[in-house]
N, C-alpha and C. Protein backbone atom coordinates (compact mmCIF):
# COMPACT_ATOMS: atom_id res chain seq x y z
N UNK A 1 21.33 -101.34 28.41
CA UNK A 1 21.86 -100.41 27.55
C UNK A 1 21.01 -100.20 26.18
N UNK A 2 20.57 -101.24 25.73
CA UNK A 2 19.65 -101.33 24.41
C UNK A 2 18.44 -100.56 25.10
N UNK A 3 17.80 -100.71 26.14
CA UNK A 3 16.56 -100.22 26.68
C UNK A 3 16.61 -98.73 26.65
N UNK A 4 17.85 -98.22 27.14
CA UNK A 4 18.17 -96.94 27.44
C UNK A 4 18.33 -96.12 25.92
N UNK A 5 18.90 -96.82 25.07
CA UNK A 5 19.02 -96.24 23.68
C UNK A 5 17.52 -96.02 23.10
N UNK A 6 16.57 -97.09 23.28
CA UNK A 6 15.49 -97.09 22.52
C UNK A 6 14.40 -96.34 23.39
N UNK A 7 14.59 -96.04 24.64
CA UNK A 7 13.54 -95.37 25.49
C UNK A 7 14.02 -94.08 25.75
N UNK A 8 14.55 -94.00 27.03
CA UNK A 8 14.83 -92.48 27.77
C UNK A 8 15.71 -91.70 26.73
N UNK A 9 16.77 -92.33 26.12
CA UNK A 9 17.68 -91.71 25.36
C UNK A 9 17.18 -90.83 24.21
N UNK A 10 16.17 -91.36 23.55
CA UNK A 10 15.31 -90.80 22.62
C UNK A 10 14.75 -89.46 23.04
N UNK A 11 13.97 -89.48 24.14
CA UNK A 11 13.43 -88.28 24.63
C UNK A 11 14.36 -87.33 25.27
N UNK A 12 15.58 -87.78 25.86
CA UNK A 12 16.50 -86.84 26.20
C UNK A 12 17.16 -86.09 25.12
N UNK A 13 17.47 -86.88 23.84
CA UNK A 13 18.00 -86.30 22.84
C UNK A 13 17.02 -85.12 22.19
N UNK A 14 15.88 -85.38 22.15
CA UNK A 14 14.77 -84.58 21.43
C UNK A 14 14.75 -83.43 22.45
N UNK A 15 14.72 -83.48 23.82
CA UNK A 15 14.56 -82.39 24.63
C UNK A 15 16.07 -81.45 24.61
N UNK A 16 16.99 -82.17 24.39
CA UNK A 16 18.45 -81.29 24.20
C UNK A 16 18.32 -80.46 22.84
N UNK A 17 17.67 -81.17 21.86
CA UNK A 17 17.57 -80.56 20.60
C UNK A 17 16.72 -79.38 20.54
N UNK A 18 15.49 -79.51 21.34
CA UNK A 18 14.70 -78.45 21.40
C UNK A 18 15.18 -77.36 22.39
N UNK A 19 15.74 -77.49 23.54
CA UNK A 19 16.29 -76.52 24.30
C UNK A 19 17.40 -75.94 23.74
N UNK A 20 18.20 -76.78 22.93
CA UNK A 20 19.34 -76.27 22.24
C UNK A 20 19.07 -75.16 21.31
N UNK A 21 17.90 -75.48 20.56
CA UNK A 21 17.51 -74.55 19.60
C UNK A 21 17.20 -73.20 20.08
N UNK A 22 16.35 -73.39 21.20
CA UNK A 22 15.71 -72.13 21.99
C UNK A 22 17.03 -71.26 22.45
N UNK A 23 18.10 -72.10 23.02
CA UNK A 23 19.13 -71.31 23.49
C UNK A 23 20.02 -70.64 22.39
N UNK A 24 20.19 -71.23 21.24
CA UNK A 24 20.95 -70.69 20.10
C UNK A 24 20.18 -69.45 19.53
N UNK A 25 18.70 -69.56 19.44
CA UNK A 25 17.92 -68.74 19.02
C UNK A 25 18.10 -67.35 20.03
N UNK A 26 18.15 -67.43 21.31
CA UNK A 26 18.27 -66.50 22.18
C UNK A 26 19.77 -65.96 21.98
N UNK A 27 20.65 -66.77 21.61
CA UNK A 27 21.94 -66.10 21.58
C UNK A 27 22.21 -65.14 20.29
N UNK A 28 21.33 -65.75 19.23
CA UNK A 28 21.07 -65.13 17.94
C UNK A 28 20.57 -63.58 18.26
N UNK A 29 19.54 -63.71 18.90
CA UNK A 29 18.67 -62.37 19.13
C UNK A 29 19.75 -61.62 20.18
N UNK A 30 20.42 -61.96 20.96
CA UNK A 30 21.38 -61.28 21.84
C UNK A 30 22.66 -60.66 21.01
N UNK A 31 23.01 -61.29 19.98
CA UNK A 31 23.97 -60.70 19.21
C UNK A 31 23.68 -59.79 18.17
N UNK A 32 22.35 -59.67 17.91
CA UNK A 32 21.83 -58.74 17.01
C UNK A 32 21.09 -57.77 17.66
N UNK A 33 20.73 -56.68 16.88
CA UNK A 33 19.85 -55.51 17.54
C UNK A 33 18.99 -55.10 16.47
N UNK A 34 17.71 -54.62 16.71
CA UNK A 34 16.73 -54.01 15.97
C UNK A 34 17.26 -52.98 14.98
N UNK A 35 17.24 -53.06 13.83
CA UNK A 35 17.59 -52.18 12.84
C UNK A 35 16.91 -50.87 12.92
N UNK A 36 17.76 -49.87 12.98
CA UNK A 36 17.30 -48.54 13.17
C UNK A 36 17.56 -47.70 11.56
N UNK A 37 16.52 -47.21 10.91
CA UNK A 37 16.70 -46.73 9.65
C UNK A 37 17.09 -45.06 9.89
N UNK A 38 18.26 -44.95 9.42
CA UNK A 38 18.88 -43.75 9.50
C UNK A 38 18.26 -42.64 8.40
N UNK A 39 17.59 -43.38 7.41
CA UNK A 39 16.98 -42.57 6.30
C UNK A 39 15.95 -43.46 5.99
N UNK A 40 14.63 -42.90 5.45
CA UNK A 40 13.52 -43.83 5.14
C UNK A 40 13.84 -44.74 3.94
N UNK A 41 13.29 -45.87 4.03
CA UNK A 41 13.64 -46.81 2.70
C UNK A 41 13.09 -46.22 1.48
N UNK A 42 13.58 -46.50 0.50
CA UNK A 42 13.40 -45.91 -1.08
C UNK A 42 11.94 -46.44 -1.29
N UNK A 43 11.11 -45.66 -1.97
CA UNK A 43 9.74 -45.77 -2.01
C UNK A 43 9.62 -46.95 -3.11
N UNK A 44 8.53 -47.62 -3.10
CA UNK A 44 8.48 -48.72 -4.04
C UNK A 44 8.07 -48.25 -5.37
N UNK A 45 8.58 -49.04 -6.31
CA UNK A 45 8.38 -48.91 -7.68
C UNK A 45 6.81 -48.70 -8.07
N UNK A 46 6.31 -47.56 -8.78
CA UNK A 46 4.91 -47.48 -9.11
C UNK A 46 4.49 -48.48 -9.96
N UNK A 47 5.13 -49.25 -10.88
CA UNK A 47 4.86 -50.32 -11.69
C UNK A 47 4.21 -51.39 -11.14
N UNK A 48 3.26 -51.83 -11.69
CA UNK A 48 2.41 -52.93 -10.97
C UNK A 48 3.00 -54.18 -10.95
N UNK A 49 4.01 -54.51 -12.10
CA UNK A 49 4.65 -55.78 -11.92
C UNK A 49 5.88 -55.72 -11.12
N UNK A 50 6.22 -54.48 -10.48
CA UNK A 50 7.32 -54.46 -9.59
C UNK A 50 6.85 -54.46 -8.18
N UNK A 51 5.60 -54.93 -7.99
CA UNK A 51 4.94 -54.91 -6.59
C UNK A 51 4.89 -56.29 -5.98
N UNK A 52 4.61 -56.29 -4.80
CA UNK A 52 4.48 -57.53 -3.99
C UNK A 52 5.51 -58.55 -4.25
N UNK A 53 5.02 -59.79 -4.51
CA UNK A 53 5.82 -60.95 -4.91
C UNK A 53 6.98 -60.87 -5.86
N UNK A 54 6.38 -60.23 -6.89
CA UNK A 54 7.26 -60.11 -8.16
C UNK A 54 8.41 -59.38 -7.63
N UNK A 55 8.26 -58.22 -6.99
CA UNK A 55 9.38 -57.31 -6.60
C UNK A 55 10.30 -58.31 -5.63
N UNK A 56 9.62 -58.91 -4.89
CA UNK A 56 10.49 -59.68 -3.74
C UNK A 56 11.39 -60.67 -4.43
N UNK A 57 10.75 -61.47 -5.35
CA UNK A 57 11.64 -62.53 -6.17
C UNK A 57 12.75 -61.86 -6.68
N UNK A 58 12.50 -60.63 -7.44
CA UNK A 58 13.61 -59.84 -8.04
C UNK A 58 14.64 -59.90 -7.28
N UNK A 59 14.30 -59.29 -5.93
CA UNK A 59 15.36 -58.91 -5.03
C UNK A 59 16.07 -60.14 -4.56
N UNK A 60 15.29 -61.16 -4.40
CA UNK A 60 15.93 -62.30 -3.92
C UNK A 60 17.16 -62.91 -4.94
N UNK A 61 16.65 -62.91 -6.27
CA UNK A 61 17.71 -63.24 -7.13
C UNK A 61 18.78 -62.14 -7.37
N UNK A 62 18.48 -60.84 -7.09
CA UNK A 62 19.78 -59.94 -6.98
C UNK A 62 20.58 -60.09 -5.98
N UNK A 63 20.25 -60.55 -4.82
CA UNK A 63 20.95 -60.88 -3.65
C UNK A 63 21.92 -61.94 -3.92
N UNK A 64 21.58 -62.92 -4.75
CA UNK A 64 22.42 -64.12 -5.12
C UNK A 64 23.39 -64.04 -6.05
N UNK A 65 23.52 -62.84 -6.72
CA UNK A 65 24.60 -62.58 -7.72
C UNK A 65 25.99 -62.63 -7.21
N UNK A 66 26.24 -62.37 -5.96
CA UNK A 66 27.51 -62.63 -5.59
C UNK A 66 27.83 -63.81 -4.89
N UNK A 67 27.06 -64.66 -4.77
CA UNK A 67 27.17 -66.06 -4.07
C UNK A 67 27.63 -67.17 -5.06
N UNK A 68 27.60 -68.34 -4.69
CA UNK A 68 27.84 -69.45 -5.45
C UNK A 68 27.02 -69.79 -6.46
N UNK A 69 25.80 -69.26 -6.39
CA UNK A 69 24.58 -69.37 -7.41
C UNK A 69 25.14 -68.92 -8.79
N UNK A 70 26.01 -67.92 -8.61
CA UNK A 70 26.69 -67.39 -9.73
C UNK A 70 28.00 -67.88 -9.98
N UNK A 71 28.99 -67.87 -9.16
CA UNK A 71 30.16 -68.30 -9.34
C UNK A 71 30.34 -69.86 -9.53
N UNK A 72 29.57 -70.59 -8.99
CA UNK A 72 29.76 -72.06 -9.09
C UNK A 72 28.23 -72.71 -8.90
N UNK A 73 27.41 -72.45 -10.02
CA UNK A 73 25.95 -72.82 -9.75
C UNK A 73 25.80 -74.46 -9.66
N UNK A 74 26.71 -75.11 -10.18
CA UNK A 74 26.56 -76.65 -10.07
C UNK A 74 26.70 -77.26 -8.50
N UNK A 75 27.74 -76.70 -7.88
CA UNK A 75 27.98 -76.90 -6.39
C UNK A 75 26.61 -76.51 -5.70
N UNK A 76 26.16 -75.23 -5.94
CA UNK A 76 25.13 -74.65 -5.45
C UNK A 76 23.81 -75.58 -5.31
N UNK A 77 23.54 -75.78 -6.66
CA UNK A 77 22.37 -76.71 -6.93
C UNK A 77 22.58 -78.03 -6.10
N UNK A 78 23.74 -78.69 -6.20
CA UNK A 78 24.02 -80.08 -5.59
C UNK A 78 23.82 -79.86 -3.92
N UNK A 79 24.36 -78.68 -3.47
CA UNK A 79 24.32 -78.37 -2.12
C UNK A 79 22.83 -78.16 -1.62
N UNK A 80 22.00 -77.50 -2.50
CA UNK A 80 20.66 -77.17 -1.94
C UNK A 80 19.86 -78.55 -1.92
N UNK A 81 20.07 -79.25 -3.03
CA UNK A 81 19.25 -80.57 -2.96
C UNK A 81 19.82 -81.44 -1.85
N UNK A 82 21.03 -81.40 -1.52
CA UNK A 82 21.51 -82.29 -0.37
C UNK A 82 20.77 -81.83 0.78
N UNK A 83 20.67 -80.56 1.05
CA UNK A 83 20.15 -80.05 2.30
C UNK A 83 18.79 -80.33 2.24
N UNK A 84 17.95 -80.10 1.20
CA UNK A 84 16.51 -80.47 1.15
C UNK A 84 16.29 -82.03 1.70
N UNK A 85 17.14 -82.99 0.96
CA UNK A 85 16.89 -84.39 1.35
C UNK A 85 17.37 -84.73 2.82
N UNK A 86 18.37 -83.91 3.30
CA UNK A 86 18.82 -84.22 4.67
C UNK A 86 17.48 -83.89 5.76
N UNK A 87 16.74 -82.88 5.45
CA UNK A 87 15.56 -82.41 6.22
C UNK A 87 14.41 -83.20 6.03
N UNK A 88 14.10 -83.52 4.54
CA UNK A 88 12.84 -84.11 4.24
C UNK A 88 12.87 -85.50 4.43
N UNK A 89 13.84 -86.27 4.50
CA UNK A 89 13.88 -87.82 4.60
C UNK A 89 13.35 -88.18 6.09
N UNK A 90 14.16 -87.62 7.02
CA UNK A 90 13.70 -88.03 8.41
C UNK A 90 12.22 -87.55 8.70
N UNK A 91 11.83 -86.33 8.25
CA UNK A 91 10.47 -85.96 8.50
C UNK A 91 9.35 -86.69 7.99
N UNK A 92 9.53 -87.16 6.74
CA UNK A 92 8.39 -87.68 5.93
C UNK A 92 8.71 -89.27 5.68
N UNK A 93 9.45 -89.84 6.51
CA UNK A 93 9.80 -91.23 6.36
C UNK A 93 8.58 -92.00 7.15
N UNK A 94 8.21 -93.04 6.51
CA UNK A 94 6.97 -93.72 7.02
C UNK A 94 7.23 -94.10 8.44
N UNK A 95 8.25 -95.07 8.45
CA UNK A 95 8.60 -95.42 9.89
C UNK A 95 8.61 -94.47 10.97
N UNK A 96 9.31 -93.44 10.69
CA UNK A 96 9.27 -92.28 11.74
C UNK A 96 8.00 -91.88 12.03
N UNK A 97 7.11 -91.61 11.05
CA UNK A 97 5.69 -91.09 11.20
C UNK A 97 4.91 -92.15 11.90
N UNK A 98 5.03 -93.31 11.74
CA UNK A 98 4.27 -94.42 12.57
C UNK A 98 4.74 -94.35 13.93
N UNK A 99 5.99 -94.25 14.30
CA UNK A 99 6.60 -94.12 15.53
C UNK A 99 5.87 -92.89 16.22
N UNK A 100 5.88 -91.83 15.53
CA UNK A 100 5.46 -90.52 16.10
C UNK A 100 3.80 -90.62 16.32
N UNK A 101 3.16 -91.14 15.59
CA UNK A 101 1.70 -91.46 15.69
C UNK A 101 1.43 -92.31 17.02
N UNK A 102 2.35 -93.12 17.03
CA UNK A 102 2.10 -94.13 18.33
C UNK A 102 2.47 -93.42 19.61
N UNK A 103 3.58 -92.54 19.49
CA UNK A 103 3.96 -91.87 20.68
C UNK A 103 3.06 -90.54 21.22
N UNK A 104 2.68 -89.80 20.23
CA UNK A 104 1.91 -88.74 20.58
C UNK A 104 0.66 -88.28 19.77
N UNK A 105 0.27 -89.41 19.06
CA UNK A 105 -0.92 -89.23 18.38
C UNK A 105 -1.19 -88.42 17.10
N UNK A 106 0.05 -87.82 16.51
CA UNK A 106 0.01 -86.98 15.51
C UNK A 106 1.11 -87.30 14.48
N UNK A 107 1.03 -87.16 13.15
CA UNK A 107 2.13 -87.43 12.18
C UNK A 107 2.12 -86.40 11.40
N UNK A 108 3.35 -86.35 10.54
CA UNK A 108 3.58 -85.15 9.53
C UNK A 108 3.26 -85.55 8.08
N UNK A 109 2.66 -86.96 7.98
CA UNK A 109 2.44 -87.28 6.63
C UNK A 109 3.66 -87.97 5.99
N UNK A 110 3.52 -88.96 5.20
CA UNK A 110 4.70 -89.85 4.92
C UNK A 110 4.70 -89.70 3.20
N UNK A 111 6.00 -89.78 2.90
CA UNK A 111 6.11 -89.95 1.33
C UNK A 111 6.36 -91.50 1.01
N UNK A 112 6.05 -91.85 -0.27
CA UNK A 112 6.24 -93.27 -0.33
C UNK A 112 7.60 -93.86 -0.18
N UNK A 113 7.80 -95.05 0.43
CA UNK A 113 9.14 -95.57 0.84
C UNK A 113 10.14 -95.56 -0.38
N UNK A 114 9.70 -95.69 -1.54
CA UNK A 114 10.79 -95.69 -2.64
C UNK A 114 11.22 -94.42 -2.64
N UNK A 115 10.43 -93.27 -2.44
CA UNK A 115 10.92 -91.91 -2.56
C UNK A 115 12.01 -91.62 -1.46
N UNK A 116 11.56 -91.91 -0.09
CA UNK A 116 12.57 -91.69 0.93
C UNK A 116 13.81 -92.30 0.91
N UNK A 117 13.58 -93.65 0.28
CA UNK A 117 14.87 -94.41 -0.01
C UNK A 117 15.90 -93.80 -0.70
N UNK A 118 15.31 -93.23 -2.05
CA UNK A 118 16.17 -92.52 -3.00
C UNK A 118 16.68 -91.22 -2.36
N UNK A 119 15.97 -90.60 -1.58
CA UNK A 119 16.35 -89.25 -0.89
C UNK A 119 17.56 -89.64 0.11
N UNK A 120 17.45 -90.82 0.79
CA UNK A 120 18.55 -91.32 1.72
C UNK A 120 19.78 -91.65 1.03
N UNK A 121 19.58 -92.11 -0.19
CA UNK A 121 20.77 -92.47 -1.23
C UNK A 121 21.42 -91.21 -1.58
N UNK A 122 20.60 -90.18 -2.00
CA UNK A 122 21.28 -88.82 -2.41
C UNK A 122 21.90 -88.12 -1.33
N UNK A 123 21.57 -88.26 0.02
CA UNK A 123 22.34 -87.77 1.18
C UNK A 123 23.71 -88.33 1.24
N UNK A 124 23.55 -89.79 1.21
CA UNK A 124 24.81 -90.57 1.26
C UNK A 124 25.81 -90.06 0.14
N UNK A 125 25.32 -90.11 -1.09
CA UNK A 125 26.10 -89.74 -2.36
C UNK A 125 26.77 -88.34 -1.94
N UNK A 126 25.79 -87.56 -1.52
CA UNK A 126 26.41 -86.11 -1.17
C UNK A 126 27.56 -86.03 -0.03
N UNK A 127 27.30 -86.99 0.81
CA UNK A 127 28.61 -86.81 1.99
C UNK A 127 29.58 -87.35 1.22
N UNK A 128 29.68 -88.42 0.44
CA UNK A 128 30.84 -88.85 -0.25
C UNK A 128 31.41 -87.84 -1.15
N UNK A 129 30.64 -87.01 -1.70
CA UNK A 129 31.03 -85.98 -2.69
C UNK A 129 31.74 -84.72 -1.83
N UNK A 130 31.09 -84.34 -0.87
CA UNK A 130 31.70 -83.42 -0.06
C UNK A 130 32.81 -83.75 0.61
N UNK A 131 33.01 -84.89 1.16
CA UNK A 131 34.17 -85.56 1.70
C UNK A 131 35.26 -85.59 0.71
N UNK A 132 35.16 -86.05 -0.43
CA UNK A 132 35.97 -86.04 -1.55
C UNK A 132 36.48 -84.83 -2.00
N UNK A 133 35.41 -83.64 -2.17
CA UNK A 133 35.88 -82.27 -2.27
C UNK A 133 36.81 -81.84 -1.30
N UNK A 134 36.51 -81.99 -0.11
CA UNK A 134 37.53 -81.51 0.94
C UNK A 134 38.84 -82.10 0.87
N UNK A 135 38.93 -83.45 0.43
CA UNK A 135 40.30 -84.04 0.09
C UNK A 135 41.04 -83.69 -1.17
N UNK A 136 40.28 -83.36 -2.15
CA UNK A 136 40.78 -83.23 -3.52
C UNK A 136 41.09 -81.81 -4.11
N UNK A 137 40.08 -81.01 -3.58
CA UNK A 137 40.20 -79.51 -4.06
C UNK A 137 41.13 -78.74 -2.84
N UNK A 138 42.05 -78.24 -3.63
CA UNK A 138 43.21 -77.61 -2.64
C UNK A 138 42.72 -76.62 -1.80
N UNK A 139 42.01 -75.68 -2.38
CA UNK A 139 41.42 -74.37 -1.59
C UNK A 139 40.47 -75.05 -0.53
N UNK A 140 39.64 -76.01 -0.65
CA UNK A 140 38.84 -76.58 0.37
C UNK A 140 39.69 -77.24 1.23
N UNK A 141 40.54 -78.04 0.75
CA UNK A 141 41.46 -78.79 1.78
C UNK A 141 42.18 -77.84 2.83
N UNK A 142 42.70 -76.67 2.26
CA UNK A 142 43.21 -75.84 3.13
C UNK A 142 42.77 -75.39 4.35
N UNK A 143 41.23 -75.34 4.27
CA UNK A 143 40.52 -74.92 5.52
C UNK A 143 39.86 -75.96 6.12
N UNK A 144 40.17 -77.20 5.72
CA UNK A 144 39.51 -78.50 6.43
C UNK A 144 40.27 -79.05 7.50
N UNK A 145 39.51 -79.41 8.53
CA UNK A 145 40.14 -79.96 9.67
C UNK A 145 39.32 -81.29 10.05
N UNK A 146 39.85 -82.04 10.91
CA UNK A 146 39.19 -83.36 11.31
C UNK A 146 37.62 -83.12 11.86
N UNK A 147 37.34 -81.90 12.25
CA UNK A 147 35.99 -81.53 12.79
C UNK A 147 35.06 -81.57 11.79
N UNK A 148 35.50 -81.01 10.58
CA UNK A 148 34.59 -81.16 9.19
C UNK A 148 34.28 -82.57 8.96
N UNK A 149 35.24 -83.53 9.00
CA UNK A 149 34.97 -84.90 8.57
C UNK A 149 34.11 -85.52 9.70
N UNK A 150 34.20 -85.15 10.87
CA UNK A 150 33.48 -85.62 11.97
C UNK A 150 31.97 -85.36 11.75
N UNK A 151 31.86 -83.93 11.39
CA UNK A 151 30.34 -83.58 11.09
C UNK A 151 29.76 -84.19 9.88
N UNK A 152 30.40 -84.53 9.08
CA UNK A 152 29.95 -85.38 7.90
C UNK A 152 29.64 -86.83 8.21
N UNK A 153 30.34 -87.46 9.16
CA UNK A 153 30.12 -88.51 9.60
C UNK A 153 28.95 -88.66 10.69
N UNK A 154 28.78 -87.81 11.34
CA UNK A 154 27.46 -87.52 12.10
C UNK A 154 26.25 -87.34 11.27
N UNK A 155 26.31 -86.88 10.19
CA UNK A 155 25.25 -86.71 9.37
C UNK A 155 25.00 -87.87 8.59
N UNK A 156 26.01 -88.52 8.08
CA UNK A 156 25.84 -89.76 7.28
C UNK A 156 25.27 -90.99 8.06
N UNK A 157 25.72 -91.29 9.37
CA UNK A 157 25.48 -92.23 10.16
C UNK A 157 24.15 -92.63 10.21
N UNK A 158 23.15 -91.82 10.55
CA UNK A 158 21.66 -92.27 10.68
C UNK A 158 21.18 -92.64 9.29
N UNK A 159 21.72 -91.93 8.26
CA UNK A 159 21.05 -92.35 6.89
C UNK A 159 21.62 -93.45 6.31
N UNK A 160 22.96 -93.85 6.60
CA UNK A 160 23.49 -94.99 6.33
C UNK A 160 22.96 -96.27 6.94
N UNK A 161 22.71 -96.06 8.41
CA UNK A 161 22.09 -97.26 9.10
C UNK A 161 20.69 -97.42 8.66
N UNK A 162 19.96 -96.34 8.42
CA UNK A 162 18.58 -96.48 8.09
C UNK A 162 18.57 -97.11 6.78
N UNK A 163 19.46 -96.81 5.88
CA UNK A 163 19.31 -97.34 4.56
C UNK A 163 19.71 -98.91 4.37
N UNK A 164 20.53 -99.27 5.30
CA UNK A 164 20.99 -100.82 5.60
C UNK A 164 19.72 -101.47 6.39
N UNK A 165 19.19 -100.84 7.24
CA UNK A 165 17.99 -101.47 7.99
C UNK A 165 16.79 -101.60 6.88
N UNK A 166 16.59 -100.82 6.05
CA UNK A 166 15.38 -100.94 5.05
C UNK A 166 15.78 -101.93 4.21
N UNK A 167 16.93 -102.03 3.71
CA UNK A 167 17.31 -103.14 2.63
C UNK A 167 17.79 -104.40 3.37
N UNK A 168 17.54 -104.38 4.63
CA UNK A 168 18.04 -105.88 5.41
C UNK A 168 19.49 -106.13 5.12
N UNK A 169 20.26 -105.21 5.26
CA UNK A 169 21.83 -105.53 5.04
C UNK A 169 22.46 -105.43 6.50
N UNK A 170 23.16 -106.53 6.61
CA UNK A 170 23.69 -106.93 7.98
C UNK A 170 22.67 -107.28 9.08
N UNK A 171 23.01 -107.48 10.17
CA UNK A 171 22.01 -107.89 11.24
C UNK A 171 21.02 -106.76 11.60
N UNK A 172 19.86 -106.99 11.34
CA UNK A 172 18.76 -105.84 11.36
C UNK A 172 18.72 -105.22 12.82
N UNK A 173 18.70 -106.04 13.97
CA UNK A 173 18.59 -105.69 15.40
C UNK A 173 19.86 -104.66 15.64
N UNK A 174 21.10 -105.13 15.28
CA UNK A 174 22.12 -104.44 15.40
C UNK A 174 22.15 -103.16 14.74
N UNK A 175 21.84 -103.13 13.37
CA UNK A 175 21.94 -101.80 12.66
C UNK A 175 20.55 -100.86 13.24
N UNK A 176 19.51 -101.38 13.44
CA UNK A 176 18.54 -100.62 14.05
C UNK A 176 18.99 -99.81 15.41
N UNK A 177 19.56 -100.58 16.31
CA UNK A 177 20.17 -100.04 17.43
C UNK A 177 21.23 -98.72 17.15
N UNK A 178 22.00 -99.27 16.17
CA UNK A 178 23.15 -98.13 15.59
C UNK A 178 22.29 -96.98 14.94
N UNK A 179 21.35 -97.22 14.43
CA UNK A 179 20.46 -96.13 13.71
C UNK A 179 19.90 -95.23 14.84
N UNK A 180 19.08 -95.76 15.76
CA UNK A 180 18.67 -95.14 16.89
C UNK A 180 19.94 -94.28 17.57
N UNK A 181 20.79 -94.81 17.99
CA UNK A 181 22.08 -94.31 18.48
C UNK A 181 22.65 -92.88 17.85
N UNK A 182 22.95 -93.14 16.50
CA UNK A 182 23.38 -92.18 15.51
C UNK A 182 22.32 -91.07 15.42
N UNK A 183 21.20 -91.48 15.14
CA UNK A 183 20.16 -90.29 15.16
C UNK A 183 19.98 -89.44 16.58
N UNK A 184 20.16 -90.03 17.64
CA UNK A 184 20.29 -89.32 18.97
C UNK A 184 21.39 -88.47 18.93
N UNK A 185 22.63 -88.92 18.44
CA UNK A 185 23.84 -88.16 18.40
C UNK A 185 23.59 -86.86 17.40
N UNK A 186 23.04 -87.11 16.40
CA UNK A 186 22.83 -86.06 15.40
C UNK A 186 21.80 -84.97 16.15
N UNK A 187 20.79 -85.54 16.67
CA UNK A 187 19.87 -84.48 17.46
C UNK A 187 20.61 -83.59 18.35
N UNK A 188 21.44 -84.22 19.16
CA UNK A 188 22.05 -83.46 20.17
C UNK A 188 23.23 -82.58 19.64
N UNK A 189 23.60 -83.07 18.51
CA UNK A 189 24.79 -82.17 18.04
C UNK A 189 24.50 -81.00 17.19
N UNK A 190 23.00 -81.17 16.59
CA UNK A 190 22.52 -80.09 15.69
C UNK A 190 22.66 -78.83 16.20
N UNK A 191 22.11 -78.40 17.38
CA UNK A 191 22.20 -77.01 17.71
C UNK A 191 23.56 -76.45 18.17
N UNK A 192 24.56 -77.23 18.50
CA UNK A 192 25.53 -76.63 19.04
C UNK A 192 26.92 -76.86 18.14
N UNK A 193 26.77 -77.35 16.91
CA UNK A 193 27.85 -77.38 15.93
C UNK A 193 27.57 -76.48 14.70
N UNK A 194 28.56 -76.75 13.84
CA UNK A 194 28.41 -75.95 12.60
C UNK A 194 26.99 -76.51 11.81
N UNK A 195 26.56 -77.69 12.16
CA UNK A 195 25.23 -78.22 11.42
C UNK A 195 24.16 -77.20 11.71
N UNK A 196 24.19 -76.41 12.73
CA UNK A 196 22.97 -75.59 12.99
C UNK A 196 22.79 -74.63 11.84
N UNK A 197 23.81 -74.54 10.90
CA UNK A 197 23.53 -73.61 9.77
C UNK A 197 22.24 -73.90 9.20
N UNK A 198 22.00 -75.20 9.01
CA UNK A 198 20.77 -75.52 8.35
C UNK A 198 19.50 -75.15 8.88
N UNK A 199 19.48 -75.10 10.26
CA UNK A 199 18.36 -74.52 11.06
C UNK A 199 18.32 -73.08 11.03
N UNK A 200 19.35 -72.47 11.07
CA UNK A 200 19.38 -70.91 11.16
C UNK A 200 19.32 -70.23 9.89
N UNK A 201 19.30 -71.08 9.01
CA UNK A 201 19.48 -70.32 7.41
C UNK A 201 18.38 -69.23 7.23
N UNK A 202 17.12 -69.65 7.67
CA UNK A 202 15.99 -68.63 7.58
C UNK A 202 16.14 -67.39 8.38
N UNK A 203 16.75 -67.52 9.55
CA UNK A 203 16.91 -66.36 10.44
C UNK A 203 18.02 -65.36 9.69
N UNK A 204 19.02 -65.88 9.27
CA UNK A 204 19.97 -65.20 8.67
C UNK A 204 19.43 -64.50 7.34
N UNK A 205 18.68 -65.05 6.62
CA UNK A 205 18.34 -64.69 5.38
C UNK A 205 17.08 -63.69 5.51
N UNK A 206 16.28 -63.68 6.44
CA UNK A 206 15.03 -63.04 6.48
C UNK A 206 15.15 -61.84 7.67
N UNK A 207 15.89 -62.16 8.63
CA UNK A 207 15.89 -61.17 9.75
C UNK A 207 17.01 -60.22 9.75
N UNK A 208 18.11 -60.77 9.37
CA UNK A 208 19.32 -60.02 9.04
C UNK A 208 19.45 -59.05 7.78
N UNK A 209 19.54 -57.80 7.72
CA UNK A 209 19.71 -57.13 6.66
C UNK A 209 21.08 -57.00 6.09
N UNK A 210 21.40 -57.63 5.11
CA UNK A 210 22.74 -57.65 4.47
C UNK A 210 22.64 -57.81 2.90
N UNK A 211 23.64 -57.85 2.17
CA UNK A 211 23.82 -58.00 0.74
C UNK A 211 23.31 -59.36 0.30
N UNK A 212 23.32 -60.27 1.31
CA UNK A 212 22.90 -61.61 0.97
C UNK A 212 21.42 -62.08 1.42
N UNK A 213 20.71 -61.16 2.24
CA UNK A 213 19.49 -61.48 2.69
C UNK A 213 18.29 -61.22 1.50
N UNK A 214 17.33 -62.16 1.86
CA UNK A 214 16.16 -62.13 0.90
C UNK A 214 15.10 -60.98 1.14
N UNK A 215 15.31 -60.05 2.34
CA UNK A 215 14.47 -59.01 2.54
C UNK A 215 15.50 -57.99 3.04
N UNK A 216 14.77 -56.79 3.40
CA UNK A 216 15.60 -55.82 4.02
C UNK A 216 16.07 -56.01 5.48
N UNK A 217 15.25 -56.86 6.09
CA UNK A 217 15.65 -57.47 7.40
C UNK A 217 15.18 -56.32 8.52
N UNK A 218 14.94 -57.00 9.72
CA UNK A 218 14.60 -56.13 10.67
C UNK A 218 15.66 -56.03 11.83
N UNK A 219 16.69 -56.74 11.60
CA UNK A 219 17.72 -56.68 12.69
C UNK A 219 18.97 -56.66 11.98
N UNK A 220 20.07 -56.19 12.68
CA UNK A 220 21.43 -56.19 12.14
C UNK A 220 22.50 -56.50 13.12
N UNK A 221 23.63 -56.78 12.82
CA UNK A 221 24.72 -57.29 13.82
C UNK A 221 25.31 -56.19 14.59
């Protein structure tokens, strides 16, 4: 069983993850259609300062006015930091990149271990915060089910076991096996659960034209 977790199951999880992303991306394109302009877009402002990146940045901020960035900025900042840490920690962890280098001969570059350790701790604090919010805030508790807590657990498990392994808490060998297994579960779950929102954020914000998009978009529902 240990050999399966440390060997073939890693590649199976990665394969399911990649194929799942491709499948969900195809589903996304199937549920949307290319936008047809019924009238020409408004001409750009002639002012120099309104052109290019400056104009795009202004448009992005305007699209955020009706979101949590305005109604609850503290939650939004915390959520943004949490998501960045969830993605950055496994990608730029020294141990992961050493394994990647050994397996396929390339790596993404590594952050200092003290930084990735701090990022992992931020993720764990964030999971506790979001779980507490679902328990204690009435309007959030009303729409919370066991599925939501399960998703938080799936996210937390690889970071908790990785944190324990790095700090030599509990039996190292057992914790590393649990770390591998929980990471594989997370990879398999990502494309097919609500966790996929982290991966498809950019599709929704840049390809779909809506009041919350960062661009006019090229597709619509």
